[in-house]
Amino acid sequence: ELARKLILKIGSEDELIDKEAYQEWPLFKIFRETELFKTTFKELFKEDFIIREAPEKAFISMVRKIQDKKKESKNK
């Protein structure tokens, strides 16, 4: 219930915490699995919640590519 109150206080128009943050941020990971989150999300954004978490392997792969590009640019 506290998480719901905080989300409603932050709202849908916050400069840093937008709809995508609620859908993707690890901060909300466990809460996203609850019905309370889904109803709060719908109340706030007038649409159903859609899971948008990237698979861990894809995330790790992306981080590695970024690291490789940084190494390449340092070696030039």
PDB file of N, CA and C in Angstrom:
ATOM      1  N   GLU A   1       0.832  -1.198   0.000  1.00  0.00           N
ATOM      2  CA  GLU A   1       0.000   0.000   0.000  1.00  0.00           C
ATOM      3  C   GLU A   1       0.874   1.259   0.000  1.00  0.00           C
ATOM      4  N   LEU A   2       2.010   1.194   0.715  1.00  0.00           N
ATOM      5  CA  LEU A   2       2.911   2.345   0.742  1.00  0.00           C
ATOM      6  C   LEU A   2       3.481   2.630  -0.651  1.00  0.00           C
ATOM      7  N   ALA A   3       3.871   1.571  -1.363  1.00  0.00           N
ATOM      8  CA  ALA A   3       4.394   1.749  -2.722  1.00  0.00           C
ATOM      9  C   ALA A   3       3.335   2.377  -3.618  1.00  0.00           C
ATOM     10  N   ARG A   4       2.086   1.950  -3.478  1.00  0.00           N
ATOM     11  CA  ARG A   4       0.989   2.537  -4.263  1.00  0.00           C
ATOM     12  C   ARG A   4       0.858   4.018  -3.981  1.00  0.00           C
ATOM     13  N   LYS A   5       0.911   4.388  -2.715  1.00  0.00           N
ATOM     14  CA  LYS A   5       0.794   5.801  -2.343  1.00  0.00           C
ATOM     15  C   LYS A   5       1.944   6.622  -2.935  1.00  0.00           C
ATOM     16  N   LEU A   6       3.138   6.046  -2.902  1.00  0.00           N
ATOM     17  CA  LEU A   6       4.293   6.755  -3.467  1.00  0.00           C
ATOM     18  C   LEU A   6       4.157   6.943  -4.976  1.00  0.00           C
ATOM     19  N   ILE A   7       3.718   5.905  -5.669  1.00  0.00           N
ATOM     20  CA  ILE A   7       3.530   6.010  -7.121  1.00  0.00           C
ATOM     21  C   ILE A   7       2.483   7.070  -7.453  1.00  0.00           C
ATOM     22  N   LEU A   8       1.391   7.077  -6.710  1.00  0.00           N
ATOM     23  CA  LEU A   8       0.357   8.081  -6.956  1.00  0.00           C
ATOM     24  C   LEU A   8       0.866   9.486  -6.644  1.00  0.00           C
ATOM     25  N   LYS A   9       1.726   9.609  -5.653  1.00  0.00           N
ATOM     26  CA  LYS A   9       2.298  10.912  -5.315  1.00  0.00           C
ATOM     27  C   LYS A   9       3.253  11.386  -6.414  1.00  0.00           C
ATOM     28  N   ILE A  10       4.075  10.472  -6.919  1.00  0.00           N
ATOM     29  CA  ILE A  10       4.987  10.815  -8.023  1.00  0.00           C
ATOM     30  C   ILE A  10       4.173  11.186  -9.259  1.00  0.00           C
ATOM     31  N   GLY A  11       3.152  10.389  -9.529  1.00  0.00           N
ATOM     32  CA  GLY A  11       2.243  10.686 -10.631  1.00  0.00           C
ATOM     33  C   GLY A  11       2.753  10.273 -11.995  1.00  0.00           C
ATOM     34  N   SER A  12       2.062  10.745 -13.000  1.00  0.00           N
ATOM     35  CA  SER A  12       2.368  10.368 -14.384  1.00  0.00           C
ATOM     36  C   SER A  12       3.111  11.466 -15.137  1.00  0.00           C
ATOM     37  N   GLU A  13       3.288  12.603 -14.518  1.00  0.00           N
ATOM     38  CA  GLU A  13       3.906  13.731 -15.211  1.00  0.00           C
ATOM     39  C   GLU A  13       5.285  14.085 -14.673  1.00  0.00           C
ATOM     40  N   ASP A  14       5.885  13.197 -13.882  1.00  0.00           N
ATOM     41  CA  ASP A  14       7.190  13.482 -13.310  1.00  0.00           C
ATOM     42  C   ASP A  14       8.246  13.548 -14.400  1.00  0.00           C
ATOM     43  N   GLU A  15       9.207  14.435 -14.231  1.00  0.00           N
ATOM     44  CA  GLU A  15      10.249  14.648 -15.231  1.00  0.00           C
ATOM     45  C   GLU A  15      11.194  13.451 -15.368  1.00  0.00           C
ATOM     46  N   LEU A  16      11.477  12.771 -14.259  1.00  0.00           N
ATOM     47  CA  LEU A  16      12.425  11.659 -14.279  1.00  0.00           C
ATOM     48  C   LEU A  16      11.766  10.289 -14.258  1.00  0.00           C
ATOM     49  N   ILE A  17      10.660  10.167 -13.549  1.00  0.00           N
ATOM     50  CA  ILE A  17       9.995   8.872 -13.426  1.00  0.00           C
ATOM     51  C   ILE A  17       8.737   8.881 -14.281  1.00  0.00           C
ATOM     52  N   ASP A  18       8.858   8.346 -15.473  1.00  0.00           N
ATOM     53  CA  ASP A  18       7.739   8.323 -16.412  1.00  0.00           C
ATOM     54  C   ASP A  18       7.165   6.911 -16.513  1.00  0.00           C
ATOM     55  N   LYS A  19       6.259   6.716 -17.432  1.00  0.00           N
ATOM     56  CA  LYS A  19       5.603   5.419 -17.609  1.00  0.00           C
ATOM     57  C   LYS A  19       6.616   4.298 -17.848  1.00  0.00           C
ATOM     58  N   GLU A  20       7.615   4.564 -18.662  1.00  0.00           N
ATOM     59  CA  GLU A  20       8.615   3.546 -18.951  1.00  0.00           C
ATOM     60  C   GLU A  20       9.402   3.163 -17.701  1.00  0.00           C
ATOM     61  N   ALA A  21       9.651   4.125 -16.824  1.00  0.00           N
ATOM     62  CA  ALA A  21      10.362   3.820 -15.580  1.00  0.00           C
ATOM     63  C   ALA A  21       9.561   2.838 -14.739  1.00  0.00           C
ATOM     64  N   TYR A  22       8.259   3.076 -14.645  1.00  0.00           N
ATOM     65  CA  TYR A  22       7.416   2.155 -13.879  1.00  0.00           C
ATOM     66  C   TYR A  22       7.435   0.756 -14.515  1.00  0.00           C
ATOM     67  N   GLN A  23       7.569   0.696 -15.830  1.00  0.00           N
ATOM     68  CA  GLN A  23       7.543  -0.580 -16.539  1.00  0.00           C
ATOM     69  C   GLN A  23       8.882  -1.304 -16.519  1.00  0.00           C
ATOM     70  N   GLU A  24       9.989  -0.580 -16.374  1.00  0.00           N
ATOM     71  CA  GLU A  24      11.299  -1.185 -16.557  1.00  0.00           C
ATOM     72  C   GLU A  24      12.216  -1.152 -15.342  1.00  0.00           C
ATOM     73  N   TRP A  25      12.154  -0.151 -14.534  1.00  0.00           N
ATOM     74  CA  TRP A  25      13.117   0.018 -13.451  1.00  0.00           C
ATOM     75  C   TRP A  25      13.106  -1.158 -12.480  1.00  0.00           C
ATOM     76  N   PRO A  26      14.284  -1.634 -12.103  1.00  0.00           N
ATOM     77  CA  PRO A  26      14.364  -2.714 -11.113  1.00  0.00           C
ATOM     78  C   PRO A  26      13.726  -2.332  -9.771  1.00  0.00           C
ATOM     79  N   LEU A  27      13.688  -1.058  -9.471  1.00  0.00           N
ATOM     80  CA  LEU A  27      13.091  -0.586  -8.225  1.00  0.00           C
ATOM     81  C   LEU A  27      11.672  -1.103  -8.038  1.00  0.00           C
ATOM     82  N   PHE A  28      10.922  -1.212  -9.128  1.00  0.00           N
ATOM     83  CA  PHE A  28       9.525  -1.639  -9.057  1.00  0.00           C
ATOM     84  C   PHE A  28       9.333  -3.109  -9.411  1.00  0.00           C
ATOM     85  N   LYS A  29      10.411  -3.858  -9.580  1.00  0.00           N
ATOM     86  CA  LYS A  29      10.339  -5.230 -10.099  1.00  0.00           C
ATOM     87  C   LYS A  29       9.371  -6.131  -9.324  1.00  0.00           C
ATOM     88  N   ILE A  30       9.505  -6.195  -8.028  1.00  0.00           N
ATOM     89  CA  ILE A  30       8.643  -7.075  -7.231  1.00  0.00           C
ATOM     90  C   ILE A  30       7.224  -6.528  -7.178  1.00  0.00           C
ATOM     91  N   PHE A  31       7.096  -5.227  -7.025  1.00  0.00           N
ATOM     92  CA  PHE A  31       5.763  -4.620  -6.947  1.00  0.00           C
ATOM     93  C   PHE A  31       4.991  -4.806  -8.255  1.00  0.00           C
ATOM     94  N   ARG A  32       5.700  -4.813  -9.385  1.00  0.00           N
ATOM     95  CA  ARG A  32       5.033  -4.991 -10.689  1.00  0.00           C
ATOM     96  C   ARG A  32       4.299  -6.324 -10.786  1.00  0.00           C
ATOM     97  N   GLU A  33       4.699  -7.290  -9.998  1.00  0.00           N
ATOM     98  CA  GLU A  33       4.089  -8.617 -10.046  1.00  0.00           C
ATOM     99  C   GLU A  33       2.755  -8.684  -9.314  1.00  0.00           C
ATOM    100  N   THR A  34       2.348  -7.598  -8.656  1.00  0.00           N
ATOM    101  CA  THR A  34       1.124  -7.603  -7.864  1.00  0.00           C
ATOM    102  C   THR A  34      -0.054  -6.983  -8.610  1.00  0.00           C
ATOM    103  N   GLU A  35      -1.239  -7.394  -8.203  1.00  0.00           N
ATOM    104  CA  GLU A  35      -2.452  -6.797  -8.777  1.00  0.00           C
ATOM    105  C   GLU A  35      -2.566  -5.330  -8.382  1.00  0.00           C
ATOM    106  N   LEU A  36      -2.096  -4.996  -7.186  1.00  0.00           N
ATOM    107  CA  LEU A  36      -2.162  -3.614  -6.728  1.00  0.00           C
ATOM    108  C   LEU A  36      -1.365  -2.701  -7.646  1.00  0.00           C
ATOM    109  N   PHE A  37      -0.198  -3.161  -8.093  1.00  0.00           N
ATOM    110  CA  PHE A  37       0.584  -2.361  -9.039  1.00  0.00           C
ATOM    111  C   PHE A  37      -0.189  -2.171 -10.339  1.00  0.00           C
ATOM    112  N   LYS A  38      -0.747  -3.267 -10.847  1.00  0.00           N
ATOM    113  CA  LYS A  38      -1.463  -3.199 -12.125  1.00  0.00           C
ATOM    114  C   LYS A  38      -2.654  -2.255 -12.063  1.00  0.00           C
ATOM    115  N   THR A  39      -3.400  -2.287 -10.979  1.00  0.00           N
ATOM    116  CA  THR A  39      -4.549  -1.374 -10.870  1.00  0.00           C
ATOM    117  C   THR A  39      -4.092   0.062 -10.672  1.00  0.00           C
ATOM    118  N   THR A  40      -3.000   0.259  -9.939  1.00  0.00           N
ATOM    119  CA  THR A  40      -2.461   1.608  -9.738  1.00  0.00           C
ATOM    120  C   THR A  40      -1.942   2.174 -11.060  1.00  0.00           C
ATOM    121  N   PHE A  41      -1.236   1.347 -11.825  1.00  0.00           N
ATOM    122  CA  PHE A  41      -0.719   1.769 -13.131  1.00  0.00           C
ATOM    123  C   PHE A  41      -1.871   2.187 -14.042  1.00  0.00           C
ATOM    124  N   LYS A  42      -2.918   1.375 -14.066  1.00  0.00           N
ATOM    125  CA  LYS A  42      -4.070   1.681 -14.925  1.00  0.00           C
ATOM    126  C   LYS A  42      -4.750   2.971 -14.467  1.00  0.00           C
ATOM    127  N   GLU A  43      -4.858   3.166 -13.174  1.00  0.00           N
ATOM    128  CA  GLU A  43      -5.462   4.385 -12.637  1.00  0.00           C
ATOM    129  C   GLU A  43      -4.649   5.611 -13.046  1.00  0.00           C
ATOM    130  N   LEU A  44      -3.356   5.484 -13.021  1.00  0.00           N
ATOM    131  CA  LEU A  44      -2.462   6.598 -13.307  1.00  0.00           C
ATOM    132  C   LEU A  44      -2.352   6.915 -14.789  1.00  0.00           C
ATOM    133  N   PHE A  45      -2.238   5.882 -15.623  1.00  0.00           N
ATOM    134  CA  PHE A  45      -1.972   6.085 -17.052  1.00  0.00           C
ATOM    135  C   PHE A  45      -3.153   5.761 -17.964  1.00  0.00           C
ATOM    136  N   LYS A  46      -4.250   5.305 -17.396  1.00  0.00           N
ATOM    137  CA  LYS A  46      -5.467   4.988 -18.164  1.00  0.00           C
ATOM    138  C   LYS A  46      -5.214   3.923 -19.223  1.00  0.00           C
ATOM    139  N   GLU A  47      -4.291   3.007 -18.932  1.00  0.00           N
ATOM    140  CA  GLU A  47      -4.029   1.870 -19.821  1.00  0.00           C
ATOM    141  C   GLU A  47      -3.489   0.710 -19.010  1.00  0.00           C
ATOM    142  N   ASP A  48      -3.602  -0.495 -19.566  1.00  0.00           N
ATOM    143  CA  ASP A  48      -3.120  -1.681 -18.878  1.00  0.00           C
ATOM    144  C   ASP A  48      -1.600  -1.688 -18.827  1.00  0.00           C
ATOM    145  N   PHE A  49      -1.078  -2.283 -17.776  1.00  0.00           N
ATOM    146  CA  PHE A  49       0.359  -2.435 -17.607  1.00  0.00           C
ATOM    147  C   PHE A  49       0.881  -3.490 -18.564  1.00  0.00           C
ATOM    148  N   ILE A  50       1.990  -3.180 -19.234  1.00  0.00           N
ATOM    149  CA  ILE A  50       2.651  -4.117 -20.136  1.00  0.00           C
ATOM    150  C   ILE A  50       4.078  -4.298 -19.647  1.00  0.00           C
ATOM    151  N   ILE A  51       4.484  -5.534 -19.452  1.00  0.00           N
ATOM    152  CA  ILE A  51       5.848  -5.809 -18.994  1.00  0.00           C
ATOM    153  C   ILE A  51       6.831  -5.452 -20.103  1.00  0.00           C
ATOM    154  N   ARG A  52       7.842  -4.663 -19.753  1.00  0.00           N
ATOM    155  CA  ARG A  52       8.841  -4.248 -20.736  1.00  0.00           C
ATOM    156  C   ARG A  52      10.254  -4.512 -20.260  1.00  0.00           C
ATOM    157  N   GLU A  53      10.429  -5.436 -19.361  1.00  0.00           N
ATOM    158  CA  GLU A  53      11.764  -5.731 -18.866  1.00  0.00           C
ATOM    159  C   GLU A  53      12.556  -6.472 -19.931  1.00  0.00           C
ATOM    160  N   ALA A  54      13.776  -6.043 -20.146  1.00  0.00           N
ATOM    161  CA  ALA A  54      14.643  -6.716 -21.112  1.00  0.00           C
ATOM    162  C   ALA A  54      15.209  -7.975 -20.472  1.00  0.00           C
ATOM    163  N   PRO A  55      15.312  -9.034 -21.241  1.00  0.00           N
ATOM    164  CA  PRO A  55      15.927 -10.245 -20.690  1.00  0.00           C
ATOM    165  C   PRO A  55      17.352  -9.953 -20.223  1.00  0.00           C
ATOM    166  N   GLU A  56      17.774 -10.589 -19.156  1.00  0.00           N
ATOM    167  CA  GLU A  56      19.092 -10.320 -18.573  1.00  0.00           C
ATOM    168  C   GLU A  56      20.213 -10.547 -19.574  1.00  0.00           C
ATOM    169  N   LYS A  57      20.115 -11.590 -20.380  1.00  0.00           N
ATOM    170  CA  LYS A  57      21.171 -11.870 -21.349  1.00  0.00           C
ATOM    171  C   LYS A  57      21.307 -10.733 -22.356  1.00  0.00           C
ATOM    172  N   ALA A  58      20.209 -10.186 -22.802  1.00  0.00           N
ATOM    173  CA  ALA A  58      20.253  -9.077 -23.753  1.00  0.00           C
ATOM    174  C   ALA A  58      20.897  -7.857 -23.107  1.00  0.00           C
ATOM    175  N   PHE A  59      20.578  -7.600 -21.854  1.00  0.00           N
ATOM    176  CA  PHE A  59      21.147  -6.468 -21.140  1.00  0.00           C
ATOM    177  C   PHE A  59      22.657  -6.630 -20.989  1.00  0.00           C
ATOM    178  N   ILE A  60      23.085  -7.811 -20.567  1.00  0.00           N
ATOM    179  CA  ILE A  60      24.511  -8.078 -20.391  1.00  0.00           C
ATOM    180  C   ILE A  60      25.244  -7.944 -21.722  1.00  0.00           C
ATOM    181  N   SER A  61      24.644  -8.442 -22.771  1.00  0.00           N
ATOM    182  CA  SER A  61      25.239  -8.342 -24.103  1.00  0.00           C
ATOM    183  C   SER A  61      25.401  -6.877 -24.506  1.00  0.00           C
ATOM    184  N   MET A  62      24.401  -6.065 -24.236  1.00  0.00           N
ATOM    185  CA  MET A  62      24.453  -4.651 -24.575  1.00  0.00           C
ATOM    186  C   MET A  62      25.569  -3.958 -23.797  1.00  0.00           C
ATOM    187  N   VAL A  63      25.701  -4.257 -22.518  1.00  0.00           N
ATOM    188  CA  VAL A  63      26.750  -3.658 -21.691  1.00  0.00           C
ATOM    189  C   VAL A  63      28.128  -4.049 -22.226  1.00  0.00           C
ATOM    190  N   ARG A  64      28.284  -5.284 -22.599  1.00  0.00           N
ATOM    191  CA  ARG A  64      29.572  -5.740 -23.134  1.00  0.00           C
ATOM    192  C   ARG A  64      29.919  -5.036 -24.443  1.00  0.00           C
ATOM    193  N   LYS A  65      28.931  -4.828 -25.288  1.00  0.00           N
ATOM    194  CA  LYS A  65      29.175  -4.120 -26.551  1.00  0.00           C
ATOM    195  C   LYS A  65      29.621  -2.689 -26.293  1.00  0.00           C
ATOM    196  N   ILE A  66      28.996  -2.050 -25.325  1.00  0.00           N
ATOM    197  CA  ILE A  66      29.372  -0.681 -24.973  1.00  0.00           C
ATOM    198  C   ILE A  66      30.804  -0.648 -24.438  1.00  0.00           C
ATOM    199  N   GLN A  67      31.131  -1.610 -23.590  1.00  0.00           N
ATOM    200  CA  GLN A  67      32.489  -1.690 -23.045  1.00  0.00           C
ATOM    201  C   GLN A  67      33.508  -1.909 -24.156  1.00  0.00           C
ATOM    202  N   ASP A  68      33.197  -2.787 -25.107  1.00  0.00           N
ATOM    203  CA  ASP A  68      34.100  -3.058 -26.224  1.00  0.00           C
ATOM    204  C   ASP A  68      34.306  -1.809 -27.064  1.00  0.00           C
ATOM    205  N   LYS A  69      33.249  -1.056 -27.318  1.00  0.00           N
ATOM    206  CA  LYS A  69      33.382   0.168 -28.115  1.00  0.00           C
ATOM    207  C   LYS A  69      34.244   1.204 -27.405  1.00  0.00           C
ATOM    208  N   LYS A  70      34.085   1.284 -26.074  1.00  0.00           N
ATOM    209  CA  LYS A  70      34.921   2.208 -25.304  1.00  0.00           C
ATOM    210  C   LYS A  70      36.387   1.820 -25.396  1.00  0.00           C
ATOM    211  N   LYS A  71      36.662   0.517 -25.307  1.00  0.00           N
ATOM    212  CA  LYS A  71      38.041   0.041 -25.413  1.00  0.00           C
ATOM    213  C   LYS A  71      38.607   0.353 -26.791  1.00  0.00           C
ATOM    214  N   GLU A  72      37.815   0.135 -27.842  1.00  0.00           N
ATOM    215  CA  GLU A  72      38.252   0.406 -29.211  1.00  0.00           C
ATOM    216  C   GLU A  72      38.584   1.881 -29.391  1.00  0.00           C
ATOM    217  N   SER A  73      37.733   2.760 -28.857  1.00  0.00           N
ATOM    218  CA  SER A  73      37.974   4.190 -29.036  1.00  0.00           C
ATOM    219  C   SER A  73      39.196   4.654 -28.253  1.00  0.00           C
ATOM    220  N   LYS A  74      39.520   4.014 -27.131  1.00  0.00           N
ATOM    221  CA  LYS A  74      40.725   4.368 -26.364  1.00  0.00           C
ATOM    222  C   LYS A  74      41.982   3.919 -27.088  1.00  0.00           C
ATOM    223  N   ASN A  75      41.883   2.821 -27.838  1.00  0.00           N
ATOM    224  CA  ASN A  75      43.043   2.276 -28.534  1.00  0.00           C
ATOM    225  C   ASN A  75      43.360   2.998 -29.835  1.00  0.00           C
ATOM    226  N   LYS A  76      42.492   3.877 -30.271  1.00  0.00           N
ATOM    227  CA  LYS A  76      42.725   4.582 -31.550  1.00  0.00           C
ATOM    228  C   LYS A  76      43.612   5.769 -31.378  1.00  0.00           C
TER     229      LYS A  76
END
